[in-house]
Each structure stands twice: as structure tokens, then as C-alpha cells.
């Protein structure tokens, strides 16, 4: 029947989506005070709090002042776009520079449609461009 939702199927689908979302923070060897946050998978509403917390932990828990957020392995994003803009603003208030590296065309389109100018300004097409901008 159209319009019904099986709770078990819904729960299973959510668990599958959560299992594909991962983050990893590591130092950037070429730049002393920089780190990379690599995001993999789908960033949906359910994953937004973890992404927010991972970035908040980096901003408040490290002396590094620059972060490259790698988006090349992000398959899908909805609420995550707002979390990234929030992180950029939060970081700026604390003298942290953040760049969004290698966003897919669908992620860029989401930033444009939502009017997230801060995110668009922080985007770099490649890791090499992100490193160049951090060194400037």
C-alpha cells in the first residue's frame, strides 16, 4: 500500500546509511599547523550531529589553525551542507581557516541553491589548490 512505512525496513535503511558515513582527521605533512578531515559516505540528517561534533572537537581541541575538509568521497548530502557552513563560520570566529576540497557537482549545486556563499568561497577544486591557498 502506498504511503505506509515498515518500521523495521526504515530502521534497517537508517543503519545502512549510518554505516557508510565516516570521518577521519589527520595532519597535513606539508604544512605544520594544518589538518585534513576526510569525509566518506552520505551526510544526511542522522549523520549531521556526528559531523558537527567532529569539526567542533577539531576547532576546540587542536592548536592547528587550518583545516582542509575533503569532500571527494561524499556520495550524498542534505543537512550536512548547513553543518559545513556553520563550521566555517564557527572556525572563522576562532581564527581557524577551513577549506572545502573537491566537492562534487551535486554538492556545489546544493550550496548554490541554498545560497551558502561562505561555502562557495571556501571551495577548492583539488587538494593541490587547497594547499596553495593555505600557503598563501
Protein backbone atom coordinates (compact mmCIF):
# COMPACT_ATOMS: atom_id res chain seq x y z
CA UNK A 1 0.00 0.00 0.00
CA UNK A 2 1.36 3.39 -1.00
CA UNK A 3 2.18 5.77 1.85
CA UNK A 4 2.87 3.15 4.51
CA UNK A 5 6.21 2.67 6.16
CA UNK A 6 7.51 -0.54 7.64
CA UNK A 7 9.38 0.45 10.85
CA UNK A 8 11.83 -2.46 10.54
CA UNK A 9 12.71 -1.55 6.97
CA UNK A 10 13.09 2.12 7.92
CA UNK A 11 15.37 1.26 10.82
CA UNK A 12 17.46 -1.08 8.68
CA UNK A 13 17.81 1.56 5.96
CA UNK A 14 18.95 4.15 8.51
CA UNK A 15 21.54 1.74 9.96
CA UNK A 16 22.88 1.07 6.47
CA UNK A 17 23.15 4.81 5.82
CA UNK A 18 24.94 5.39 9.12
CA UNK A 19 27.42 2.62 8.42
CA UNK A 20 28.53 4.30 5.19
CA UNK A 21 29.35 7.62 6.90
CA UNK A 22 32.90 8.00 8.22
CA UNK A 23 35.23 10.83 9.13
CA UNK A 24 38.98 10.79 9.66
CA UNK A 25 41.21 13.66 10.77
CA UNK A 26 44.92 13.55 10.03
CA UNK A 27 47.78 16.07 9.84
CA UNK A 28 48.87 17.61 6.54
CA UNK A 29 52.57 16.68 6.23
CA UNK A 30 53.42 19.66 4.00
CA UNK A 31 52.05 22.28 6.42
CA UNK A 32 52.84 22.26 10.15
CA UNK A 33 49.63 23.73 11.55
CA UNK A 34 47.11 22.10 9.19
CA UNK A 35 44.88 19.04 9.32
CA UNK A 36 42.65 17.22 6.89
CA UNK A 37 39.15 16.00 7.69
CA UNK A 38 38.24 13.32 5.16
CA UNK A 39 34.51 12.63 4.93
CA UNK A 40 33.24 9.47 3.31
CA UNK A 41 29.66 8.42 2.55
CA UNK A 42 26.30 10.12 2.91
CA UNK A 43 25.78 13.17 5.09
CA UNK A 44 22.12 13.19 5.97
CA UNK A 45 20.15 14.46 8.91
CA UNK A 46 21.10 11.45 11.05
CA UNK A 47 24.84 11.99 10.45
CA UNK A 48 24.86 15.78 10.90
CA UNK A 49 25.38 15.72 14.70
CA UNK A 50 28.48 13.48 14.37
CA UNK A 51 29.94 15.68 11.63
CA UNK A 52 29.24 18.79 13.72
CA UNK A 53 30.90 17.20 16.77
CA UNK A 54 33.97 16.03 14.81
CA UNK A 55 34.56 19.54 13.48
CA UNK A 56 33.84 21.17 16.86
CA UNK A 57 36.33 18.79 18.50
CA UNK A 58 38.97 19.80 15.96
CA UNK A 59 38.30 23.54 16.32
CA UNK A 60 38.39 23.49 20.12
CA UNK A 61 40.87 20.68 20.67
CA UNK A 62 43.84 21.44 18.43
CA UNK A 63 46.41 24.16 18.07
CA UNK A 64 46.33 23.72 14.29
CA UNK A 65 44.82 26.76 12.65
CA UNK A 66 43.91 25.35 9.23
CA UNK A 67 41.63 22.52 8.13
CA UNK A 68 41.03 21.03 4.70
CA UNK A 69 37.66 19.28 4.62
CA UNK A 70 37.87 16.68 1.85
CA UNK A 71 34.52 16.07 0.18
CA UNK A 72 35.56 13.94 -2.80
CA UNK A 73 34.11 10.76 -1.23
CA UNK A 74 30.80 12.33 -0.17
CA UNK A 75 28.11 10.43 -2.04
CA UNK A 76 25.14 12.48 -0.93
CA UNK A 77 24.48 15.49 1.28
CA UNK A 78 21.48 17.33 2.64
CA UNK A 79 21.70 18.72 6.20
CA UNK A 80 25.48 18.34 6.06
CA UNK A 81 25.69 21.43 3.88
CA UNK A 82 24.35 23.60 6.69
CA UNK A 83 26.72 21.92 9.16
CA UNK A 84 29.69 22.78 6.92
CA UNK A 85 28.64 26.43 6.64
CA UNK A 86 28.14 26.57 10.40
CA UNK A 87 31.62 25.06 10.87
CA UNK A 88 33.22 27.60 8.53
CA UNK A 89 31.68 30.48 10.50
CA UNK A 90 32.47 28.89 13.88
CA UNK A 91 36.07 28.32 12.80
CA UNK A 92 36.46 31.86 11.49
CA UNK A 93 35.31 33.25 14.85
CA UNK A 94 38.16 31.30 16.43
CA UNK A 95 40.84 32.25 13.87
CA UNK A 96 40.70 28.88 12.12
CA UNK A 97 40.88 28.73 8.33
CA UNK A 98 38.83 25.98 6.69
CA UNK A 99 38.62 24.98 3.05
CA UNK A 100 36.20 22.58 1.38
CA UNK A 101 38.15 20.43 -1.04
CA UNK A 102 36.90 18.58 -4.13
CA UNK A 103 33.14 18.89 -3.68
CA UNK A 104 31.09 17.05 -6.28
CA UNK A 105 28.93 18.98 -8.71
CA UNK A 106 25.81 17.92 -6.76
CA UNK A 107 27.30 19.32 -3.53
CA UNK A 108 28.24 22.58 -5.30
CA UNK A 109 24.70 22.79 -6.70
CA UNK A 110 23.29 22.34 -3.19
CA UNK A 111 25.49 25.18 -1.89
CA UNK A 112 24.33 27.43 -4.77
CA UNK A 113 20.62 26.61 -4.38
CA UNK A 114 20.77 27.13 -0.61
CA UNK A 115 22.66 30.42 -1.03
CA UNK A 116 25.61 29.26 1.05
CA UNK A 117 28.07 31.88 -0.17
CA UNK A 118 30.52 31.10 2.65
CA UNK A 119 30.76 27.51 1.47
CA UNK A 120 31.20 28.52 -2.16
CA UNK A 121 34.05 30.90 -1.26
CA UNK A 122 35.77 28.14 0.74
CA UNK A 123 35.63 25.54 -2.06
CA UNK A 124 38.78 24.32 -3.80
CA UNK A 125 38.65 22.02 -6.82
CA UNK A 126 41.62 19.89 -5.74
CA UNK A 127 43.96 19.10 -2.82
CA UNK A 128 46.77 20.92 -4.65
CA UNK A 129 44.66 24.10 -4.84
CA UNK A 130 43.74 23.78 -1.15
CA UNK A 131 47.43 23.52 -0.22
CA UNK A 132 48.24 26.51 -2.42
CA UNK A 133 45.54 28.60 -0.73
CA UNK A 134 46.70 27.56 2.75
CA UNK A 135 50.27 28.58 1.95
CA UNK A 136 49.22 31.99 0.56
